[in-house]
PDB file of all heavy atoms in Angstrom:
ATOM      1  N   PHE A   1     -24.543  16.464   9.158  1.00  0.00           N
ATOM      2  CA  PHE A   1     -23.430  17.257   8.814  1.00  0.00           C
ATOM      3  C   PHE A   1     -22.474  16.675   7.819  1.00  0.00           C
ATOM      4  O   PHE A   1     -21.465  17.148   7.519  1.00  0.00           O
ATOM      5  CB  PHE A   1     -22.696  17.526  10.032  1.00  0.00           C
ATOM      6  CG  PHE A   1     -23.470  18.445  11.061  1.00  0.00           C
ATOM      7  CD1 PHE A   1     -24.122  17.832  12.107  1.00  0.00           C
ATOM      8  CD2 PHE A   1     -23.497  19.842  10.937  1.00  0.00           C
ATOM      9  CE1 PHE A   1     -24.921  18.639  12.965  1.00  0.00           C
ATOM     10  CE2 PHE A   1     -24.211  20.605  11.691  1.00  0.00           C
ATOM     11  CZ  PHE A   1     -24.862  19.989  12.837  1.00  0.00           C
ATOM     12  N   GLN A   2     -22.965  15.460   7.286  1.00  0.00           N
ATOM     13  CA  GLN A   2     -22.106  14.737   6.247  1.00  0.00           C
ATOM     14  C   GLN A   2     -22.231  15.498   4.845  1.00  0.00           C
ATOM     15  O   GLN A   2     -23.275  16.014   4.577  1.00  0.00           O
ATOM     16  CB  GLN A   2     -22.570  13.260   6.148  1.00  0.00           C
ATOM     17  CG  GLN A   2     -22.190  12.487   7.398  1.00  0.00           C
ATOM     18  CD  GLN A   2     -22.721  11.096   7.302  1.00  0.00           C
ATOM     19  OE1 GLN A   2     -23.302  10.668   6.278  1.00  0.00           O
ATOM     20  NE2 GLN A   2     -22.499  10.341   8.388  1.00  0.00           N
ATOM     21  N   GLY A   3     -21.194  15.463   4.104  1.00  0.00           N
ATOM     22  CA  GLY A   3     -21.239  16.135   2.788  1.00  0.00           C
ATOM     23  C   GLY A   3     -20.850  17.505   2.790  1.00  0.00           C
ATOM     24  O   GLY A   3     -20.928  18.205   1.809  1.00  0.00           O
ATOM     25  N   PHE A   4     -20.515  18.061   4.079  1.00  0.00           N
ATOM     26  CA  PHE A   4     -20.183  19.514   4.141  1.00  0.00           C
ATOM     27  C   PHE A   4     -18.624  19.764   4.333  1.00  0.00           C
ATOM     28  O   PHE A   4     -18.352  20.906   4.529  1.00  0.00           O
ATOM     29  CB  PHE A   4     -20.980  20.138   5.220  1.00  0.00           C
ATOM     30  CG  PHE A   4     -22.420  20.167   5.020  1.00  0.00           C
ATOM     31  CD1 PHE A   4     -23.255  19.258   5.581  1.00  0.00           C
ATOM     32  CD2 PHE A   4     -22.951  21.084   4.124  1.00  0.00           C
ATOM     33  CE1 PHE A   4     -24.579  19.284   5.370  1.00  0.00           C
ATOM     34  CE2 PHE A   4     -24.361  21.083   3.815  1.00  0.00           C
ATOM     35  CZ  PHE A   4     -25.216  20.121   4.361  1.00  0.00           C
ATOM     36  N   GLY A   5     -17.827  18.763   4.308  1.00  0.00           N
ATOM     37  CA  GLY A   5     -16.334  18.932   4.415  1.00  0.00           C
ATOM     38  C   GLY A   5     -15.798  18.571   5.754  1.00  0.00           C
ATOM     39  O   GLY A   5     -14.628  18.830   5.944  1.00  0.00           O
ATOM     40  N   PHE A   6     -16.584  18.251   6.772  1.00  0.00           N
ATOM     41  CA  PHE A   6     -16.130  18.091   8.103  1.00  0.00           C
ATOM     42  C   PHE A   6     -15.197  16.774   8.220  1.00  0.00           C
ATOM     43  O   PHE A   6     -14.228  16.884   8.825  1.00  0.00           O
ATOM     44  CB  PHE A   6     -17.213  17.933   9.074  1.00  0.00           C
ATOM     45  CG  PHE A   6     -18.046  19.207   9.316  1.00  0.00           C
ATOM     46  CD1 PHE A   6     -19.280  19.357   8.726  1.00  0.00           C
ATOM     47  CD2 PHE A   6     -17.394  20.340   9.972  1.00  0.00           C
ATOM     48  CE1 PHE A   6     -19.985  20.565   8.961  1.00  0.00           C
ATOM     49  CE2 PHE A   6     -18.162  21.518  10.085  1.00  0.00           C
ATOM     50  CZ  PHE A   6     -19.439  21.599   9.612  1.00  0.00           C
ATOM     51  N   GLY A   7     -15.612  15.797   7.403  1.00  0.00           N
ATOM     52  CA  GLY A   7     -14.674  14.585   7.506  1.00  0.00           C
ATOM     53  C   GLY A   7     -13.384  14.933   6.790  1.00  0.00           C
ATOM     54  O   GLY A   7     -12.319  14.497   7.310  1.00  0.00           O
ATOM     55  N   GLN A   8     -13.395  15.644   5.697  1.00  0.00           N
ATOM     56  CA  GLN A   8     -12.167  16.055   5.063  1.00  0.00           C
ATOM     57  C   GLN A   8     -11.302  16.954   5.879  1.00  0.00           C
ATOM     58  O   GLN A   8     -10.053  16.727   5.931  1.00  0.00           O
ATOM     59  CB  GLN A   8     -12.505  16.693   3.667  1.00  0.00           C
ATOM     60  CG  GLN A   8     -11.334  17.064   2.894  1.00  0.00           C
ATOM     61  CD  GLN A   8     -11.648  17.752   1.551  1.00  0.00           C
ATOM     62  OE1 GLN A   8     -12.726  17.585   1.033  1.00  0.00           O
ATOM     63  NE2 GLN A   8     -10.704  18.308   0.889  1.00  0.00           N
ATOM     64  N   ALA A   9     -11.955  17.850   6.548  1.00  0.00           N
ATOM     65  CA  ALA A   9     -11.221  18.778   7.494  1.00  0.00           C
ATOM     66  C   ALA A   9     -10.547  17.923   8.611  1.00  0.00           C
ATOM     67  O   ALA A   9      -9.486  18.111   9.011  1.00  0.00           O
ATOM     68  CB  ALA A   9     -12.069  19.705   7.999  1.00  0.00           C
ATOM     69  N   ALA A  10     -11.254  16.862   9.132  1.00  0.00           N
ATOM     70  CA  ALA A  10     -10.626  16.041  10.113  1.00  0.00           C
ATOM     71  C   ALA A  10      -9.534  15.190   9.629  1.00  0.00           C
ATOM     72  O   ALA A  10      -8.489  15.150  10.344  1.00  0.00           O
ATOM     73  CB  ALA A  10     -11.742  15.095  10.626  1.00  0.00           C
ATOM     74  N   ILE A  11      -9.557  14.628   8.465  1.00  0.00           N
ATOM     75  CA  ILE A  11      -8.403  13.970   7.899  1.00  0.00           C
ATOM     76  C   ILE A  11      -7.272  14.887   7.620  1.00  0.00           C
ATOM     77  O   ILE A  11      -6.136  14.607   8.006  1.00  0.00           O
ATOM     78  CB  ILE A  11      -8.763  13.308   6.541  1.00  0.00           C
ATOM     79  CG1 ILE A  11      -9.847  12.109   6.896  1.00  0.00           C
ATOM     80  CG2 ILE A  11      -7.635  12.627   5.842  1.00  0.00           C
ATOM     81  CD1 ILE A  11      -9.349  11.106   7.768  1.00  0.00           C
ATOM     82  N   LYS A  12      -7.534  16.136   7.134  1.00  0.00           N
ATOM     83  CA  LYS A  12      -6.325  17.104   6.943  1.00  0.00           C
ATOM     84  C   LYS A  12      -5.705  17.462   8.249  1.00  0.00           C
ATOM     85  O   LYS A  12      -4.587  17.656   8.492  1.00  0.00           O
ATOM     86  CB  LYS A  12      -6.873  18.296   6.234  1.00  0.00           C
ATOM     87  CG  LYS A  12      -7.129  17.919   4.675  1.00  0.00           C
ATOM     88  CD  LYS A  12      -7.530  19.097   3.900  1.00  0.00           C
ATOM     89  CE  LYS A  12      -7.732  18.644   2.441  1.00  0.00           C
ATOM     90  NZ  LYS A  12      -8.067  19.722   1.522  1.00  0.00           N
ATOM     91  N   PHE A  13      -6.647  17.544   9.347  1.00  0.00           N
ATOM     92  CA  PHE A  13      -6.083  17.810  10.662  1.00  0.00           C
ATOM     93  C   PHE A  13      -5.164  16.647  11.204  1.00  0.00           C
ATOM     94  O   PHE A  13      -4.139  16.922  11.720  1.00  0.00           O
ATOM     95  CB  PHE A  13      -7.296  17.889  11.686  1.00  0.00           C
ATOM     96  CG  PHE A  13      -6.997  18.010  13.054  1.00  0.00           C
ATOM     97  CD1 PHE A  13      -6.614  19.176  13.694  1.00  0.00           C
ATOM     98  CD2 PHE A  13      -7.165  16.896  13.937  1.00  0.00           C
ATOM     99  CE1 PHE A  13      -6.374  19.307  15.060  1.00  0.00           C
ATOM    100  CE2 PHE A  13      -6.859  16.896  15.266  1.00  0.00           C
ATOM    101  CZ  PHE A  13      -6.477  18.143  15.820  1.00  0.00           C
ATOM    102  N   ALA A  14      -5.619  15.445  10.857  1.00  0.00           N
ATOM    103  CA  ALA A  14      -4.648  14.287  11.187  1.00  0.00           C
ATOM    104  C   ALA A  14      -3.452  14.277  10.413  1.00  0.00           C
ATOM    105  O   ALA A  14      -2.333  13.953  10.858  1.00  0.00           O
ATOM    106  CB  ALA A  14      -5.501  12.989  11.111  1.00  0.00           C
ATOM    107  N   GLN A  15      -3.566  14.638   9.161  1.00  0.00           N
ATOM    108  CA  GLN A  15      -2.380  14.527   8.213  1.00  0.00           C
ATOM    109  C   GLN A  15      -1.345  15.612   8.506  1.00  0.00           C
ATOM    110  O   GLN A  15      -0.184  15.393   8.321  1.00  0.00           O
ATOM    111  CB  GLN A  15      -2.890  14.817   6.752  1.00  0.00           C
ATOM    112  CG  GLN A  15      -3.583  13.568   6.105  1.00  0.00           C
ATOM    113  CD  GLN A  15      -4.205  13.888   4.767  1.00  0.00           C
ATOM    114  OE1 GLN A  15      -4.649  14.930   4.538  1.00  0.00           O
ATOM    115  NE2 GLN A  15      -4.361  12.857   3.929  1.00  0.00           N
ATOM    116  N   LYS A  16      -1.810  16.695   9.235  1.00  0.00           N
ATOM    117  CA  LYS A  16      -0.820  17.646   9.739  1.00  0.00           C
ATOM    118  C   LYS A  16      -0.017  17.114  10.914  1.00  0.00           C
ATOM    119  O   LYS A  16       1.135  17.634  11.219  1.00  0.00           O
ATOM    120  CB  LYS A  16      -1.481  18.955  10.027  1.00  0.00           C
ATOM    121  CG  LYS A  16      -1.977  19.709   8.908  1.00  0.00           C
ATOM    122  CD  LYS A  16      -2.683  20.959   9.314  1.00  0.00           C
ATOM    123  CE  LYS A  16      -3.390  21.694   8.173  1.00  0.00           C
ATOM    124  NZ  LYS A  16      -4.135  22.839   8.638  1.00  0.00           N
ATOM    125  N   GLN A  17      -0.496  16.214  11.591  1.00  0.00           N
ATOM    126  CA  GLN A  17       0.138  15.525  12.731  1.00  0.00           C
ATOM    127  C   GLN A  17       1.101  14.432  12.483  1.00  0.00           C
ATOM    128  O   GLN A  17       1.980  14.152  13.304  1.00  0.00           O
ATOM    129  CB  GLN A  17      -0.831  15.105  13.759  1.00  0.00           C
ATOM    130  CG  GLN A  17      -1.854  16.140  14.207  1.00  0.00           C
ATOM    131  CD  GLN A  17      -2.916  15.641  15.108  1.00  0.00           C
ATOM    132  OE1 GLN A  17      -2.497  15.018  16.110  1.00  0.00           O
ATOM    133  NE2 GLN A  17      -4.139  15.936  14.835  1.00  0.00           N
ATOM    134  N   PHE A  18       0.877  13.717  11.353  1.00  0.00           N
ATOM    135  CA  PHE A  18       1.664  12.553  11.135  1.00  0.00           C
ATOM    136  C   PHE A  18       2.074  12.465   9.616  1.00  0.00           C
ATOM    137  O   PHE A  18       1.428  13.058   8.760  1.00  0.00           O
ATOM    138  CB  PHE A  18       0.767  11.225  11.313  1.00  0.00           C
ATOM    139  CG  PHE A  18       0.280  11.171  12.838  1.00  0.00           C
ATOM    140  CD1 PHE A  18      -0.947  11.572  13.208  1.00  0.00           C
ATOM    141  CD2 PHE A  18       1.131  10.658  13.761  1.00  0.00           C
ATOM    142  CE1 PHE A  18      -1.344  11.469  14.515  1.00  0.00           C
ATOM    143  CE2 PHE A  18       0.740  10.380  15.011  1.00  0.00           C
ATOM    144  CZ  PHE A  18      -0.476  10.926  15.453  1.00  0.00           C
ATOM    145  N   GLU A  19       3.145  11.763   9.404  1.00  0.00           N
ATOM    146  CA  GLU A  19       3.625  11.598   8.034  1.00  0.00           C
ATOM    147  C   GLU A  19       2.951  10.382   7.397  1.00  0.00           C
ATOM    148  O   GLU A  19       3.076  10.161   6.135  1.00  0.00           O
ATOM    149  CB  GLU A  19       5.120  11.499   7.927  1.00  0.00           C
ATOM    150  CG  GLU A  19       5.823  12.761   8.417  1.00  0.00           C
ATOM    151  CD  GLU A  19       7.372  12.739   8.182  1.00  0.00           C
ATOM    152  OE1 GLU A  19       7.878  11.751   7.605  1.00  0.00           O
ATOM    153  OE2 GLU A  19       7.962  13.597   8.706  1.00  0.00           O
ATOM    154  N   GLU A  20       2.320   9.641   8.185  1.00  0.00           N
ATOM    155  CA  GLU A  20       1.652   8.447   7.626  1.00  0.00           C
ATOM    156  C   GLU A  20       0.369   8.192   8.441  1.00  0.00           C
ATOM    157  O   GLU A  20       0.438   8.343   9.796  1.00  0.00           O
ATOM    158  CB  GLU A  20       2.539   7.231   7.713  1.00  0.00           C
ATOM    159  CG  GLU A  20       1.829   5.862   7.345  1.00  0.00           C
ATOM    160  CD  GLU A  20       2.880   4.722   7.341  1.00  0.00           C
ATOM    161  OE1 GLU A  20       3.932   4.720   6.627  1.00  0.00           O
ATOM    162  OE2 GLU A  20       2.617   3.834   8.156  1.00  0.00           O
ATOM    163  N   LEU A  21      -0.689   7.842   7.790  1.00  0.00           N
ATOM    164  CA  LEU A  21      -2.011   7.487   8.476  1.00  0.00           C
ATOM    165  C   LEU A  21      -2.436   6.138   7.884  1.00  0.00           C
ATOM    166  O   LEU A  21      -2.264   5.824   6.702  1.00  0.00           O
ATOM    167  CB  LEU A  21      -2.986   8.515   8.309  1.00  0.00           C
ATOM    168  CG  LEU A  21      -2.828   9.867   8.931  1.00  0.00           C
ATOM    169  CD1 LEU A  21      -3.918  10.835   8.441  1.00  0.00           C
ATOM    170  CD2 LEU A  21      -2.899   9.723  10.446  1.00  0.00           C
ATOM    171  N   ARG A  22      -3.010   5.350   8.722  1.00  0.00           N
ATOM    172  CA  ARG A  22      -3.605   4.037   8.371  1.00  0.00           C
ATOM    173  C   ARG A  22      -4.936   3.797   8.951  1.00  0.00           C
ATOM    174  O   ARG A  22      -5.304   4.382   9.970  1.00  0.00           O
ATOM    175  CB  ARG A  22      -2.679   2.877   8.922  1.00  0.00           C
ATOM    176  CG  ARG A  22      -1.328   2.929   8.288  1.00  0.00           C
ATOM    177  CD  ARG A  22      -0.416   1.902   8.861  1.00  0.00           C
ATOM    178  NE  ARG A  22       0.865   1.839   8.125  1.00  0.00           N
ATOM    179  CZ  ARG A  22       1.218   0.933   7.427  1.00  0.00           C
ATOM    180  NH1 ARG A  22       0.470  -0.160   7.190  1.00  0.00           N
ATOM    181  NH2 ARG A  22       2.380   0.908   6.715  1.00  0.00           N
ATOM    182  N   LEU A  23      -5.819   3.054   8.170  1.00  0.00           N
ATOM    183  CA  LEU A  23      -7.172   2.833   8.656  1.00  0.00           C
ATOM    184  C   LEU A  23      -7.744   1.655   7.863  1.00  0.00           C
ATOM    185  O   LEU A  23      -7.222   1.246   6.822  1.00  0.00           O
ATOM    186  CB  LEU A  23      -7.971   4.028   8.492  1.00  0.00           C
ATOM    187  CG  LEU A  23      -8.188   4.486   7.141  1.00  0.00           C
ATOM    188  CD1 LEU A  23      -9.288   3.927   6.414  1.00  0.00           C
ATOM    189  CD2 LEU A  23      -8.281   6.017   7.057  1.00  0.00           C
ATOM    190  N   TRP A  24      -8.818   1.026   8.497  1.00  0.00           N
ATOM    191  CA  TRP A  24      -9.581  -0.013   7.945  1.00  0.00           C
ATOM    192  C   TRP A  24     -10.934   0.561   7.509  1.00  0.00           C
ATOM    193  O   TRP A  24     -11.494   1.374   8.149  1.00  0.00           O
ATOM    194  CB  TRP A  24      -9.801  -1.132   8.939  1.00  0.00           C
ATOM    195  CG  TRP A  24      -8.499  -1.980   9.124  1.00  0.00           C
ATOM    196  CD1 TRP A  24      -7.697  -1.855  10.161  1.00  0.00           C
ATOM    197  CD2 TRP A  24      -8.076  -3.149   8.351  1.00  0.00           C
ATOM    198  NE1 TRP A  24      -6.651  -2.841  10.134  1.00  0.00           N
ATOM    199  CE2 TRP A  24      -6.904  -3.561   9.042  1.00  0.00           C
ATOM    200  CE3 TRP A  24      -8.482  -3.736   7.237  1.00  0.00           C
ATOM    201  CZ2 TRP A  24      -6.207  -4.556   8.514  1.00  0.00           C
ATOM    202  CZ3 TRP A  24      -7.845  -4.813   6.729  1.00  0.00           C
ATOM    203  CH2 TRP A  24      -6.595  -5.241   7.405  1.00  0.00           C
ATOM    204  N   VAL A  25     -11.481   0.077   6.333  1.00  0.00           N
ATOM    205  CA  VAL A  25     -12.832   0.357   5.870  1.00  0.00           C
ATOM    206  C   VAL A  25     -13.462  -0.873   5.434  1.00  0.00           C
ATOM    207  O   VAL A  25     -12.812  -1.715   4.738  1.00  0.00           O
ATOM    208  CB  VAL A  25     -12.684   1.377   4.763  1.00  0.00           C
ATOM    209  CG1 VAL A  25     -14.095   1.586   4.060  1.00  0.00           C
ATOM    210  CG2 VAL A  25     -12.179   2.684   5.068  1.00  0.00           C
ATOM    211  N   PHE A  26     -14.777  -1.047   5.808  1.00  0.00           N
ATOM    212  CA  PHE A  26     -15.582  -2.246   5.219  1.00  0.00           C
ATOM    213  C   PHE A  26     -15.611  -2.148   3.692  1.00  0.00           C
ATOM    214  O   PHE A  26     -15.778  -1.044   3.168  1.00  0.00           O
ATOM    215  CB  PHE A  26     -16.905  -2.257   5.815  1.00  0.00           C
ATOM    216  CG  PHE A  26     -16.935  -2.460   7.357  1.00  0.00           C
ATOM    217  CD1 PHE A  26     -17.624  -1.621   8.189  1.00  0.00           C
ATOM    218  CD2 PHE A  26     -16.293  -3.714   7.861  1.00  0.00           C
ATOM    219  CE1 PHE A  26     -17.657  -1.847   9.439  1.00  0.00           C
ATOM    220  CE2 PHE A  26     -16.403  -3.896   9.127  1.00  0.00           C
ATOM    221  CZ  PHE A  26     -17.052  -3.020  10.089  1.00  0.00           C
ATOM    222  N   GLN A  27     -15.407  -3.305   3.087  1.00  0.00           N
ATOM    223  CA  GLN A  27     -15.445  -3.398   1.675  1.00  0.00           C
ATOM    224  C   GLN A  27     -16.851  -2.939   1.134  1.00  0.00           C
ATOM    225  O   GLN A  27     -16.902  -2.334  -0.005  1.00  0.00           O
ATOM    226  CB  GLN A  27     -15.122  -4.740   1.169  1.00  0.00           C
ATOM    227  CG  GLN A  27     -13.649  -5.206   1.206  1.00  0.00           C
ATOM    228  CD  GLN A  27     -13.416  -6.421   0.667  1.00  0.00           C
ATOM    229  OE1 GLN A  27     -13.987  -6.912  -0.217  1.00  0.00           O
ATOM    230  NE2 GLN A  27     -12.348  -7.131   1.204  1.00  0.00           N
ATOM    231  N   SER A  28     -17.851  -3.087   1.879  1.00  0.00           N
ATOM    232  CA  SER A  28     -19.230  -2.664   1.513  1.00  0.00           C
ATOM    233  C   SER A  28     -19.336  -1.152   1.462  1.00  0.00           C
ATOM    234  O   SER A  28     -20.427  -0.611   1.079  1.00  0.00           O
ATOM    235  CB  SER A  28     -20.251  -3.345   2.454  1.00  0.00           C
ATOM    236  OG  SER A  28     -20.138  -2.975   3.666  1.00  0.00           O
ATOM    237  N   ASN A  29     -18.505  -0.463   2.166  1.00  0.00           N
ATOM    238  CA  ASN A  29     -18.681   1.011   2.419  1.00  0.00           C
ATOM    239  C   ASN A  29     -17.982   1.679   1.178  1.00  0.00           C
ATOM    240  O   ASN A  29     -16.952   2.319   1.374  1.00  0.00           O
ATOM    241  CB  ASN A  29     -18.156   1.420   3.734  1.00  0.00           C
ATOM    242  CG  ASN A  29     -18.534   2.914   4.058  1.00  0.00           C
ATOM    243  OD1 ASN A  29     -18.897   3.593   3.197  1.00  0.00           O
ATOM    244  ND2 ASN A  29     -18.465   3.162   5.350  1.00  0.00           N
ATOM    245  N   ILE A  30     -18.629   1.718  -0.024  1.00  0.00           N
ATOM    246  CA  ILE A  30     -18.021   2.277  -1.181  1.00  0.00           C
ATOM    247  C   ILE A  30     -17.832   3.819  -0.858  1.00  0.00           C
ATOM    248  O   ILE A  30     -16.848   4.389  -1.411  1.00  0.00           O
ATOM    249  CB  ILE A  30     -19.024   2.069  -2.334  1.00  0.00           C
ATOM    250  CG1 ILE A  30     -19.142   0.533  -2.560  1.00  0.00           C
ATOM    251  CG2 ILE A  30     -18.318   2.718  -3.607  1.00  0.00           C
ATOM    252  CD1 ILE A  30     -17.990  -0.203  -2.780  1.00  0.00           C
ATOM    253  N   GLY A  31     -18.702   4.496  -0.250  1.00  0.00           N
ATOM    254  CA  GLY A  31     -18.598   5.873   0.041  1.00  0.00           C
ATOM    255  C   GLY A  31     -17.412   6.280   0.787  1.00  0.00           C
ATOM    256  O   GLY A  31     -16.561   7.174   0.348  1.00  0.00           O
ATOM    257  N   ALA A  32     -17.039   5.544   1.710  1.00  0.00           N
ATOM    258  CA  ALA A  32     -15.824   5.694   2.590  1.00  0.00           C
ATOM    259  C   ALA A  32     -14.655   5.461   1.748  1.00  0.00           C
ATOM    260  O   ALA A  32     -13.630   6.145   1.864  1.00  0.00           O
ATOM    261  CB  ALA A  32     -15.845   4.900   3.831  1.00  0.00           C
TER     262      ALA A  32
END
């Protein structure tokens, strides 16, 4: 199901709940 907008929809869902979001991503994960 990757590449169909589900991740983006999830982030927008979270962005509606908070004025600020934070997260960690591995430096090797260029896609993320």
